[in-house]
Amino acid sequence: MSSTSIPIPPHRFAEAIKELPLANLHFKAAEIRNSISHLQSSNEQLQYFAGEGDRDCAEAIEENVVVIQRMEERIALLKREVEGRGFEWGKDENKGNGEAEMSGHGEDGMEQEFVSSNGHQPGQVGGSRGDEELARRLMEHVDEIEEGGEDGVQL
């Protein structure tokens, strides 16, 4: 980790995610899980050299472990936020595979179901949307954000 980089404290992270839409909470969790996966892979690759006495590799592993713990804490904060809004943290959410099954009741009291990051409805085996459709929808969403139709927060 860079000596000039200071991670956002957990209480500030928790405060920042309160304003995010539910889908963004899920996407942030998937992004964090992806980062954890890369750090774990890096640690596995560095382990041999650390075992051979390379102190730099050993220190890198130690730093990665601290970062992984911080990221796992953020996932727990995301879970608490989702559940605090009355939605379930999906079964797949804890498997770390980037998919989620979330359902609950929206502000209007109507039951809602959310699409997982792979484009499937919970319990759906195959996707009904192709890559082109998903890309089109993503671009529409990006255009809305750029036109000021929606505030975005990068964490």
N, C-alpha and C. Protein backbone atom coordinates (compact mmCIF):
# COMPACT_ATOMS: atom_id res chain seq x y z
N MET A 1 0.85 -1.18 0.00
CA MET A 1 0.00 0.00 0.00
C MET A 1 0.88 1.23 0.00
N SER A 2 0.49 2.23 -0.72
CA SER A 2 1.25 3.47 -0.80
C SER A 2 1.23 4.18 0.55
N SER A 3 2.34 4.75 0.91
CA SER A 3 2.42 5.45 2.19
C SER A 3 1.59 6.73 2.18
N THR A 4 1.22 7.23 1.00
CA THR A 4 0.42 8.44 0.91
C THR A 4 -1.07 8.15 0.81
N SER A 5 -1.44 6.90 0.64
CA SER A 5 -2.84 6.53 0.49
C SER A 5 -3.43 6.16 1.85
N ILE A 6 -4.47 6.86 2.22
CA ILE A 6 -5.13 6.58 3.49
C ILE A 6 -6.54 6.08 3.18
N PRO A 7 -6.86 4.84 3.56
CA PRO A 7 -8.19 4.31 3.25
C PRO A 7 -9.28 5.05 4.04
N ILE A 8 -10.45 5.08 3.45
CA ILE A 8 -11.59 5.70 4.11
C ILE A 8 -11.95 4.88 5.35
N PRO A 9 -12.15 5.53 6.49
CA PRO A 9 -12.51 4.79 7.71
C PRO A 9 -13.87 4.11 7.56
N PRO A 10 -14.09 3.01 8.27
CA PRO A 10 -15.36 2.27 8.15
C PRO A 10 -16.60 3.13 8.38
N HIS A 11 -16.58 4.03 9.36
CA HIS A 11 -17.77 4.84 9.62
C HIS A 11 -18.08 5.78 8.47
N ARG A 12 -17.06 6.28 7.77
CA ARG A 12 -17.29 7.14 6.61
C ARG A 12 -17.79 6.33 5.42
N PHE A 13 -17.27 5.11 5.27
CA PHE A 13 -17.75 4.22 4.21
C PHE A 13 -19.23 3.92 4.44
N ALA A 14 -19.59 3.58 5.68
CA ALA A 14 -20.98 3.28 6.02
C ALA A 14 -21.88 4.48 5.74
N GLU A 15 -21.39 5.66 6.03
CA GLU A 15 -22.17 6.87 5.77
C GLU A 15 -22.34 7.10 4.27
N ALA A 16 -21.28 6.88 3.51
CA ALA A 16 -21.31 7.12 2.06
C ALA A 16 -22.27 6.18 1.34
N ILE A 17 -22.37 4.93 1.77
CA ILE A 17 -23.21 3.97 1.06
C ILE A 17 -24.69 4.14 1.36
N LYS A 18 -25.04 4.93 2.36
CA LYS A 18 -26.45 5.14 2.69
C LYS A 18 -27.23 5.76 1.54
N GLU A 19 -26.57 6.55 0.73
CA GLU A 19 -27.24 7.25 -0.36
C GLU A 19 -27.24 6.47 -1.68
N LEU A 20 -26.52 5.35 -1.71
CA LEU A 20 -26.45 4.59 -2.96
C LEU A 20 -27.72 3.79 -3.21
N PRO A 21 -28.09 3.66 -4.48
CA PRO A 21 -29.21 2.77 -4.81
C PRO A 21 -28.84 1.32 -4.47
N LEU A 22 -29.85 0.52 -4.24
CA LEU A 22 -29.65 -0.87 -3.83
C LEU A 22 -28.75 -1.64 -4.79
N ALA A 23 -28.96 -1.48 -6.08
CA ALA A 23 -28.15 -2.20 -7.07
C ALA A 23 -26.68 -1.83 -6.95
N ASN A 24 -26.40 -0.57 -6.66
CA ASN A 24 -25.01 -0.14 -6.52
C ASN A 24 -24.33 -0.80 -5.32
N LEU A 25 -25.09 -1.05 -4.27
CA LEU A 25 -24.53 -1.74 -3.11
C LEU A 25 -24.06 -3.13 -3.50
N HIS A 26 -24.89 -3.80 -4.28
CA HIS A 26 -24.52 -5.14 -4.76
C HIS A 26 -23.29 -5.09 -5.65
N PHE A 27 -23.27 -4.14 -6.57
CA PHE A 27 -22.13 -4.03 -7.48
C PHE A 27 -20.85 -3.69 -6.73
N LYS A 28 -20.96 -2.86 -5.71
CA LYS A 28 -19.78 -2.52 -4.91
C LYS A 28 -19.27 -3.77 -4.19
N ALA A 29 -20.16 -4.59 -3.68
CA ALA A 29 -19.75 -5.83 -3.01
C ALA A 29 -19.04 -6.75 -4.00
N ALA A 30 -19.56 -6.85 -5.22
CA ALA A 30 -18.92 -7.70 -6.24
C ALA A 30 -17.54 -7.15 -6.59
N GLU A 31 -17.43 -5.85 -6.70
CA GLU A 31 -16.15 -5.22 -7.00
C GLU A 31 -15.12 -5.51 -5.89
N ILE A 32 -15.57 -5.39 -4.66
CA ILE A 32 -14.68 -5.64 -3.52
C ILE A 32 -14.26 -7.11 -3.50
N ARG A 33 -15.23 -8.01 -3.75
CA ARG A 33 -14.91 -9.44 -3.78
C ARG A 33 -13.88 -9.75 -4.85
N ASN A 34 -14.00 -9.09 -5.99
CA ASN A 34 -13.04 -9.28 -7.08
C ASN A 34 -11.64 -8.83 -6.63
N SER A 35 -11.57 -7.70 -5.95
CA SER A 35 -10.28 -7.22 -5.45
C SER A 35 -9.68 -8.19 -4.43
N ILE A 36 -10.52 -8.72 -3.56
CA ILE A 36 -10.06 -9.69 -2.57
C ILE A 36 -9.48 -10.91 -3.28
N SER A 37 -10.17 -11.37 -4.30
CA SER A 37 -9.71 -12.53 -5.06
C SER A 37 -8.32 -12.28 -5.66
N HIS A 38 -8.11 -11.10 -6.21
CA HIS A 38 -6.81 -10.77 -6.80
C HIS A 38 -5.72 -10.70 -5.72
N LEU A 39 -6.06 -10.14 -4.57
CA LEU A 39 -5.07 -10.06 -3.49
C LEU A 39 -4.71 -11.45 -2.97
N GLN A 40 -5.71 -12.32 -2.85
CA GLN A 40 -5.44 -13.68 -2.41
C GLN A 40 -4.57 -14.42 -3.42
N SER A 41 -4.83 -14.23 -4.69
CA SER A 41 -4.02 -14.84 -5.73
C SER A 41 -2.59 -14.33 -5.67
N SER A 42 -2.45 -13.05 -5.46
CA SER A 42 -1.13 -12.44 -5.34
C SER A 42 -0.38 -13.04 -4.15
N ASN A 43 -1.08 -13.19 -3.03
CA ASN A 43 -0.45 -13.77 -1.84
C ASN A 43 0.01 -15.19 -2.10
N GLU A 44 -0.78 -15.95 -2.82
CA GLU A 44 -0.39 -17.32 -3.15
C GLU A 44 0.88 -17.34 -4.00
N GLN A 45 0.98 -16.42 -4.94
CA GLN A 45 2.16 -16.35 -5.80
C GLN A 45 3.39 -15.87 -5.03
N LEU A 46 3.19 -14.97 -4.08
CA LEU A 46 4.30 -14.42 -3.29
C LEU A 46 4.78 -15.39 -2.21
N GLN A 47 3.92 -16.31 -1.81
CA GLN A 47 4.22 -17.20 -0.69
C GLN A 47 5.53 -17.97 -0.89
N TYR A 48 5.75 -18.47 -2.08
CA TYR A 48 6.98 -19.24 -2.34
C TYR A 48 8.21 -18.39 -2.04
N PHE A 49 8.22 -17.17 -2.57
CA PHE A 49 9.39 -16.30 -2.41
C PHE A 49 9.55 -15.84 -0.97
N ALA A 50 8.43 -15.60 -0.30
CA ALA A 50 8.49 -15.23 1.12
C ALA A 50 9.07 -16.39 1.92
N GLY A 51 8.68 -17.60 1.57
CA GLY A 51 9.20 -18.79 2.23
C GLY A 51 10.68 -19.00 1.99
N GLU A 52 11.17 -18.46 0.89
CA GLU A 52 12.60 -18.56 0.55
C GLU A 52 13.40 -17.42 1.20
N GLY A 53 12.72 -16.59 1.99
CA GLY A 53 13.43 -15.53 2.71
C GLY A 53 13.32 -14.14 2.13
N ASP A 54 12.53 -13.95 1.09
CA ASP A 54 12.37 -12.63 0.50
C ASP A 54 11.48 -11.78 1.41
N ARG A 55 12.11 -10.88 2.13
CA ARG A 55 11.39 -10.04 3.11
C ARG A 55 10.36 -9.13 2.44
N ASP A 56 10.69 -8.61 1.25
CA ASP A 56 9.74 -7.74 0.55
C ASP A 56 8.44 -8.48 0.23
N CYS A 57 8.58 -9.73 -0.20
CA CYS A 57 7.39 -10.52 -0.51
C CYS A 57 6.60 -10.82 0.77
N ALA A 58 7.30 -11.10 1.85
CA ALA A 58 6.63 -11.36 3.12
C ALA A 58 5.86 -10.12 3.59
N GLU A 59 6.47 -8.95 3.44
CA GLU A 59 5.79 -7.71 3.82
C GLU A 59 4.59 -7.44 2.93
N ALA A 60 4.72 -7.73 1.65
CA ALA A 60 3.60 -7.53 0.72
C ALA A 60 2.42 -8.42 1.12
N ILE A 61 2.72 -9.66 1.50
CA ILE A 61 1.66 -10.57 1.94
C ILE A 61 0.97 -10.02 3.18
N GLU A 62 1.77 -9.54 4.14
CA GLU A 62 1.20 -8.98 5.37
C GLU A 62 0.31 -7.78 5.06
N GLU A 63 0.76 -6.90 4.18
CA GLU A 63 -0.05 -5.74 3.79
C GLU A 63 -1.35 -6.18 3.12
N ASN A 64 -1.25 -7.17 2.24
CA ASN A 64 -2.44 -7.66 1.55
C ASN A 64 -3.45 -8.24 2.52
N VAL A 65 -2.97 -8.93 3.55
CA VAL A 65 -3.87 -9.50 4.55
C VAL A 65 -4.65 -8.39 5.26
N VAL A 66 -3.97 -7.30 5.59
CA VAL A 66 -4.63 -6.16 6.24
C VAL A 66 -5.68 -5.56 5.31
N VAL A 67 -5.33 -5.41 4.04
CA VAL A 67 -6.26 -4.84 3.06
C VAL A 67 -7.47 -5.76 2.89
N ILE A 68 -7.23 -7.06 2.82
CA ILE A 68 -8.33 -8.03 2.68
C ILE A 68 -9.28 -7.92 3.87
N GLN A 69 -8.73 -7.81 5.07
CA GLN A 69 -9.58 -7.68 6.26
C GLN A 69 -10.43 -6.41 6.18
N ARG A 70 -9.83 -5.32 5.71
CA ARG A 70 -10.57 -4.06 5.57
C ARG A 70 -11.68 -4.22 4.53
N MET A 71 -11.38 -4.91 3.45
CA MET A 71 -12.39 -5.12 2.40
C MET A 71 -13.52 -6.01 2.90
N GLU A 72 -13.20 -7.04 3.67
CA GLU A 72 -14.24 -7.90 4.23
C GLU A 72 -15.14 -7.11 5.18
N GLU A 73 -14.55 -6.17 5.89
CA GLU A 73 -15.34 -5.31 6.77
C GLU A 73 -16.30 -4.44 5.94
N ARG A 74 -15.85 -3.99 4.79
CA ARG A 74 -16.72 -3.19 3.93
C ARG A 74 -17.87 -4.02 3.37
N ILE A 75 -17.59 -5.26 3.03
CA ILE A 75 -18.67 -6.14 2.58
C ILE A 75 -19.69 -6.32 3.70
N ALA A 76 -19.22 -6.47 4.93
CA ALA A 76 -20.14 -6.58 6.07
C ALA A 76 -20.97 -5.31 6.22
N LEU A 77 -20.38 -4.15 5.98
CA LEU A 77 -21.12 -2.89 6.05
C LEU A 77 -22.16 -2.81 4.93
N LEU A 78 -21.80 -3.27 3.75
CA LEU A 78 -22.75 -3.30 2.64
C LEU A 78 -23.92 -4.22 2.98
N LYS A 79 -23.62 -5.38 3.55
CA LYS A 79 -24.67 -6.32 3.94
C LYS A 79 -25.60 -5.68 4.97
N ARG A 80 -25.02 -5.02 5.95
CA ARG A 80 -25.83 -4.37 6.99
C ARG A 80 -26.73 -3.30 6.38
N GLU A 81 -26.21 -2.55 5.42
CA GLU A 81 -27.01 -1.51 4.77
C GLU A 81 -28.17 -2.12 3.98
N VAL A 82 -27.89 -3.18 3.21
CA VAL A 82 -28.94 -3.84 2.43
C VAL A 82 -30.02 -4.37 3.36
N GLU A 83 -29.62 -5.07 4.39
CA GLU A 83 -30.59 -5.64 5.33
C GLU A 83 -31.32 -4.55 6.10
N GLY A 84 -30.63 -3.44 6.38
CA GLY A 84 -31.25 -2.32 7.07
C GLY A 84 -32.35 -1.66 6.25
N ARG A 85 -32.31 -1.84 4.95
CA ARG A 85 -33.35 -1.31 4.06
C ARG A 85 -34.50 -2.30 3.90
N GLY A 86 -34.41 -3.43 4.58
CA GLY A 86 -35.49 -4.41 4.52
C GLY A 86 -35.33 -5.45 3.43
N PHE A 87 -34.16 -5.55 2.85
CA PHE A 87 -33.90 -6.54 1.81
C PHE A 87 -33.02 -7.64 2.37
N GLU A 88 -33.10 -8.79 1.74
CA GLU A 88 -32.27 -9.92 2.15
C GLU A 88 -30.94 -9.87 1.42
N TRP A 89 -29.88 -10.18 2.12
CA TRP A 89 -28.57 -10.35 1.51
C TRP A 89 -28.60 -11.75 0.94
N GLY A 90 -28.55 -11.88 -0.38
CA GLY A 90 -28.77 -13.15 -1.07
C GLY A 90 -27.83 -14.25 -0.66
N LYS A 91 -28.32 -15.47 -0.84
CA LYS A 91 -27.52 -16.65 -0.53
C LYS A 91 -26.22 -16.64 -1.32
N ASP A 92 -26.30 -16.29 -2.60
CA ASP A 92 -25.11 -16.28 -3.43
C ASP A 92 -24.15 -15.16 -3.04
N GLU A 93 -24.65 -14.15 -2.38
CA GLU A 93 -23.83 -13.00 -2.01
C GLU A 93 -22.64 -13.44 -1.15
N ASN A 94 -22.85 -14.42 -0.30
CA ASN A 94 -21.79 -14.86 0.59
C ASN A 94 -20.85 -15.87 -0.06
N LYS A 95 -21.17 -16.34 -1.26
CA LYS A 95 -20.33 -17.31 -1.94
C LYS A 95 -19.19 -16.64 -2.68
N GLY A 96 -19.29 -15.33 -2.88
CA GLY A 96 -18.22 -14.61 -3.54
C GLY A 96 -18.16 -14.84 -5.04
N ASN A 97 -19.27 -15.23 -5.65
CA ASN A 97 -19.23 -15.51 -7.08
C ASN A 97 -19.77 -14.34 -7.91
N GLY A 98 -20.03 -13.20 -7.28
CA GLY A 98 -20.45 -12.04 -8.03
C GLY A 98 -21.93 -12.00 -8.35
N GLU A 99 -22.71 -12.93 -7.83
CA GLU A 99 -24.14 -12.93 -8.08
C GLU A 99 -24.86 -12.69 -6.77
N ALA A 100 -26.06 -12.21 -6.87
CA ALA A 100 -26.86 -12.01 -5.67
C ALA A 100 -28.31 -12.26 -5.97
N GLU A 101 -29.00 -12.69 -4.96
CA GLU A 101 -30.45 -12.79 -5.03
C GLU A 101 -30.97 -11.88 -3.93
N MET A 102 -31.56 -10.76 -4.33
CA MET A 102 -32.06 -9.82 -3.34
C MET A 102 -33.53 -9.58 -3.63
N SER A 103 -34.30 -9.58 -2.60
CA SER A 103 -35.70 -9.24 -2.74
C SER A 103 -36.13 -8.56 -1.46
N GLY A 104 -37.23 -7.89 -1.54
CA GLY A 104 -37.75 -7.20 -0.37
C GLY A 104 -38.86 -6.28 -0.80
N HIS A 105 -39.15 -5.32 0.05
CA HIS A 105 -40.22 -4.38 -0.24
C HIS A 105 -39.63 -3.00 -0.43
N GLY A 106 -40.06 -2.34 -1.50
CA GLY A 106 -39.59 -1.00 -1.79
C GLY A 106 -40.28 0.03 -0.91
N GLU A 107 -39.95 1.28 -1.15
CA GLU A 107 -40.53 2.36 -0.35
C GLU A 107 -42.05 2.39 -0.46
N ASP A 108 -42.59 1.93 -1.59
CA ASP A 108 -44.04 1.94 -1.78
C ASP A 108 -44.71 0.73 -1.16
N GLY A 109 -43.92 -0.16 -0.54
CA GLY A 109 -44.48 -1.35 0.09
C GLY A 109 -44.66 -2.51 -0.86
N MET A 110 -44.42 -2.30 -2.14
CA MET A 110 -44.57 -3.37 -3.12
C MET A 110 -43.35 -4.27 -3.09
N GLU A 111 -43.59 -5.57 -3.24
CA GLU A 111 -42.46 -6.49 -3.27
C GLU A 111 -41.66 -6.26 -4.53
N GLN A 112 -40.32 -6.29 -4.38
CA GLN A 112 -39.44 -6.07 -5.50
C GLN A 112 -38.44 -7.21 -5.60
N GLU A 113 -38.01 -7.47 -6.79
CA GLU A 113 -37.00 -8.48 -7.04
C GLU A 113 -35.91 -7.82 -7.87
N PHE A 114 -34.68 -8.16 -7.62
CA PHE A 114 -33.59 -7.49 -8.30
C PHE A 114 -32.79 -8.48 -9.12
N VAL A 115 -32.26 -7.97 -10.21
CA VAL A 115 -31.46 -8.78 -11.12
C VAL A 115 -30.05 -8.88 -10.56
N SER A 116 -29.48 -10.06 -10.65
CA SER A 116 -28.12 -10.24 -10.19
C SER A 116 -27.15 -9.66 -11.20
N SER A 117 -25.87 -9.61 -10.84
CA SER A 117 -24.88 -9.00 -11.71
C SER A 117 -24.68 -9.76 -13.01
N ASN A 118 -25.17 -10.99 -13.09
CA ASN A 118 -25.03 -11.73 -14.35
C ASN A 118 -26.25 -11.54 -15.24
N GLY A 119 -27.19 -10.67 -14.84
CA GLY A 119 -28.34 -10.36 -15.66
C GLY A 119 -29.52 -11.29 -15.46
N HIS A 120 -29.41 -12.25 -14.55
CA HIS A 120 -30.49 -13.21 -14.32
C HIS A 120 -31.37 -12.76 -13.17
N GLN A 121 -32.63 -13.09 -13.27
CA GLN A 121 -33.51 -12.93 -12.13
C GLN A 121 -33.14 -14.02 -11.14
N PRO A 122 -33.36 -13.81 -9.83
CA PRO A 122 -33.08 -14.86 -8.87
C PRO A 122 -33.78 -16.15 -9.26
N GLY A 123 -33.02 -17.23 -9.27
CA GLY A 123 -33.55 -18.55 -9.60
C GLY A 123 -33.61 -18.83 -11.08
N GLN A 124 -33.32 -17.86 -11.91
CA GLN A 124 -33.37 -18.04 -13.36
C GLN A 124 -32.09 -18.74 -13.82
N VAL A 125 -32.24 -19.76 -14.63
CA VAL A 125 -31.09 -20.53 -15.08
C VAL A 125 -30.39 -19.87 -16.24
N GLY A 126 -31.10 -19.45 -17.23
CA GLY A 126 -30.50 -18.83 -18.41
C GLY A 126 -30.90 -17.38 -18.52
N GLY A 127 -30.05 -16.56 -19.11
CA GLY A 127 -30.36 -15.15 -19.27
C GLY A 127 -31.21 -14.92 -20.50
N SER A 128 -32.16 -14.00 -20.41
CA SER A 128 -32.98 -13.67 -21.55
C SER A 128 -32.44 -12.46 -22.28
N ARG A 129 -31.45 -11.81 -21.67
CA ARG A 129 -30.86 -10.64 -22.30
C ARG A 129 -29.50 -11.02 -22.85
N GLY A 130 -29.25 -10.61 -24.07
CA GLY A 130 -27.96 -10.86 -24.68
C GLY A 130 -26.97 -9.77 -24.32
N ASP A 131 -25.74 -9.95 -24.72
CA ASP A 131 -24.69 -8.98 -24.44
C ASP A 131 -25.03 -7.61 -25.03
N GLU A 132 -25.61 -7.59 -26.21
CA GLU A 132 -25.94 -6.32 -26.85
C GLU A 132 -27.00 -5.56 -26.05
N GLU A 133 -28.00 -6.28 -25.56
CA GLU A 133 -29.05 -5.65 -24.76
C GLU A 133 -28.49 -5.10 -23.46
N LEU A 134 -27.64 -5.88 -22.81
CA LEU A 134 -27.04 -5.42 -21.56
C LEU A 134 -26.15 -4.21 -21.80
N ALA A 135 -25.38 -4.23 -22.88
CA ALA A 135 -24.52 -3.09 -23.21
C ALA A 135 -25.36 -1.85 -23.49
N ARG A 136 -26.47 -2.02 -24.22
CA ARG A 136 -27.35 -0.89 -24.52
C ARG A 136 -27.90 -0.29 -23.23
N ARG A 137 -28.38 -1.14 -22.33
CA ARG A 137 -28.93 -0.66 -21.07
C ARG A 137 -27.88 0.04 -20.22
N LEU A 138 -26.68 -0.50 -20.21
CA LEU A 138 -25.60 0.12 -19.46
C LEU A 138 -25.29 1.51 -20.02
N MET A 139 -25.23 1.62 -21.33
CA MET A 139 -24.93 2.91 -21.95
C MET A 139 -26.04 3.92 -21.67
N GLU A 140 -27.29 3.47 -21.65
CA GLU A 140 -28.39 4.36 -21.31
C GLU A 140 -28.22 4.89 -19.90
N HIS A 141 -27.82 4.01 -19.00
CA HIS A 141 -27.63 4.41 -17.60
C HIS A 141 -26.48 5.39 -17.48
N VAL A 142 -25.39 5.14 -18.19
CA VAL A 142 -24.24 6.04 -18.18
C VAL A 142 -24.64 7.41 -18.72
N ASP A 143 -25.43 7.43 -19.81
CA ASP A 143 -25.89 8.69 -20.38
C ASP A 143 -26.73 9.47 -19.38
N GLU A 144 -27.58 8.77 -18.62
CA GLU A 144 -28.40 9.44 -17.60
C GLU A 144 -27.52 10.09 -16.55
N ILE A 145 -26.49 9.39 -16.13
CA ILE A 145 -25.59 9.93 -15.11
C ILE A 145 -24.86 11.15 -15.65
N GLU A 146 -24.36 11.05 -16.89
CA GLU A 146 -23.62 12.15 -17.49
C GLU A 146 -24.50 13.37 -17.71
N GLU A 147 -25.77 13.18 -17.98
CA GLU A 147 -26.69 14.29 -18.21
C GLU A 147 -27.19 14.88 -16.90
N GLY A 148 -26.71 14.36 -15.78
CA GLY A 148 -27.12 14.90 -14.49
C GLY A 148 -28.42 14.32 -13.99
N GLY A 149 -28.90 13.27 -14.63
CA GLY A 149 -30.15 12.65 -14.21
C GLY A 149 -30.02 11.85 -12.94
N GLU A 150 -28.80 11.56 -12.54
CA GLU A 150 -28.59 10.75 -11.36
C GLU A 150 -27.25 11.11 -10.77
N ASP A 151 -27.18 11.23 -9.46
CA ASP A 151 -25.91 11.50 -8.81
C ASP A 151 -25.18 10.20 -8.61
N GLY A 152 -23.92 10.18 -8.92
CA GLY A 152 -23.10 8.98 -8.73
C GLY A 152 -22.07 9.21 -7.64
N VAL A 153 -21.75 8.17 -6.93
CA VAL A 153 -20.74 8.24 -5.89
C VAL A 153 -19.74 7.14 -6.16
N GLN A 154 -18.48 7.49 -6.24
CA GLN A 154 -17.42 6.50 -6.41
C GLN A 154 -16.80 6.24 -5.05
N LEU A 155 -16.74 5.00 -4.66
CA LEU A 155 -16.14 4.64 -3.38
C LEU A 155 -14.86 3.90 -3.60
